[in-house]
Amino acid sequence: MNETGLELRPMQPSDVPAVLNIIMEYDVDDATEARETYDAGLEGQYCLCERQTIIGVAGAKPIENSD
């Protein structure tokens, strides 16, 4: 964490419920797709935290046979 209290860190399994709640506020279909992605693994998924509270999420999943 820096002086702003913000931290971008890898997502942990315990973060998934809070992250899905954030995504669901904007789009239920996106939350469903995110759940499927997270069930497959959390590699490449990140949480933005402010003073240890999750306030955002970012990530990407690799596409097979691409660079």
Protein backbone atom coordinates (compact mmCIF):
# COMPACT_ATOMS: atom_id res chain seq x y z
CA MET A 1 0.00 0.00 0.00
CA ASN A 2 1.22 3.51 -0.73
CA GLU A 3 0.48 6.87 0.89
CA THR A 4 -2.85 7.10 -0.99
CA GLY A 5 -4.05 3.89 0.61
CA LEU A 6 -4.50 2.30 -2.85
CA GLU A 7 -3.13 -1.09 -3.79
CA LEU A 8 -3.48 -3.20 -6.92
CA ARG A 9 -2.92 -6.81 -5.96
CA PRO A 10 -3.56 -10.30 -7.33
CA MET A 11 -7.05 -11.59 -6.62
CA GLN A 12 -7.37 -14.29 -3.96
CA PRO A 13 -10.18 -16.87 -3.72
CA SER A 14 -11.55 -15.07 -0.64
CA ASP A 15 -11.99 -11.90 -2.77
CA VAL A 16 -14.40 -13.47 -5.27
CA PRO A 17 -17.70 -12.77 -3.43
CA ALA A 18 -16.88 -9.06 -2.99
CA VAL A 19 -15.67 -8.76 -6.58
CA LEU A 20 -18.81 -10.43 -7.95
CA ASN A 21 -20.96 -8.01 -5.92
CA ILE A 22 -19.14 -5.07 -7.52
CA ILE A 23 -19.56 -6.50 -11.02
CA MET A 24 -23.22 -7.37 -10.37
CA GLU A 25 -23.96 -3.71 -9.56
CA TYR A 26 -23.32 -2.97 -13.25
CA ASP A 27 -24.29 -6.09 -15.16
CA VAL A 28 -25.67 -9.45 -14.00
CA ASP A 29 -24.54 -11.19 -17.21
CA ASP A 30 -20.98 -9.92 -16.69
CA ALA A 31 -21.06 -11.25 -13.13
CA THR A 32 -22.12 -14.68 -14.40
CA GLU A 33 -19.28 -14.73 -16.92
CA ALA A 34 -16.83 -13.51 -14.30
CA ARG A 35 -17.88 -16.32 -11.94
CA GLU A 36 -17.15 -18.87 -14.68
CA THR A 37 -13.76 -17.26 -15.32
CA TYR A 38 -12.86 -17.21 -11.62
CA ASP A 39 -13.97 -20.83 -11.21
CA ALA A 40 -11.41 -21.73 -13.90
CA GLY A 41 -8.65 -19.83 -12.09
CA LEU A 42 -7.59 -16.41 -10.87
CA GLU A 43 -4.43 -16.02 -12.93
CA GLY A 44 -4.35 -12.54 -14.46
CA GLN A 45 -7.09 -11.21 -12.13
CA TYR A 46 -6.47 -8.23 -9.83
CA CYS A 47 -8.25 -6.28 -7.11
CA LEU A 48 -7.94 -2.56 -6.54
CA CYS A 49 -8.12 -1.93 -2.82
CA GLU A 50 -8.42 1.25 -0.81
CA ARG A 51 -7.26 0.77 2.75
CA GLN A 52 -7.75 -3.00 2.34
CA THR A 53 -11.33 -2.69 1.01
CA ILE A 54 -11.92 -3.92 -2.54
CA ILE A 55 -13.16 -1.03 -4.67
CA GLY A 56 -12.47 -2.36 -8.17
CA VAL A 57 -11.38 -5.28 -10.26
CA ALA A 58 -9.33 -5.75 -13.41
CA GLY A 59 -8.13 -8.73 -15.32
CA ALA A 60 -7.82 -10.64 -18.51
CA LYS A 61 -7.94 -14.27 -19.45
CA PRO A 62 -5.53 -15.70 -21.98
CA ILE A 63 -6.82 -16.71 -25.39
CA GLU A 64 -5.62 -20.13 -26.49
CA ASN A 65 -3.15 -20.23 -29.38
CA SER A 66 -2.37 -16.52 -29.23
CA ASP A 67 0.74 -14.57 -28.28
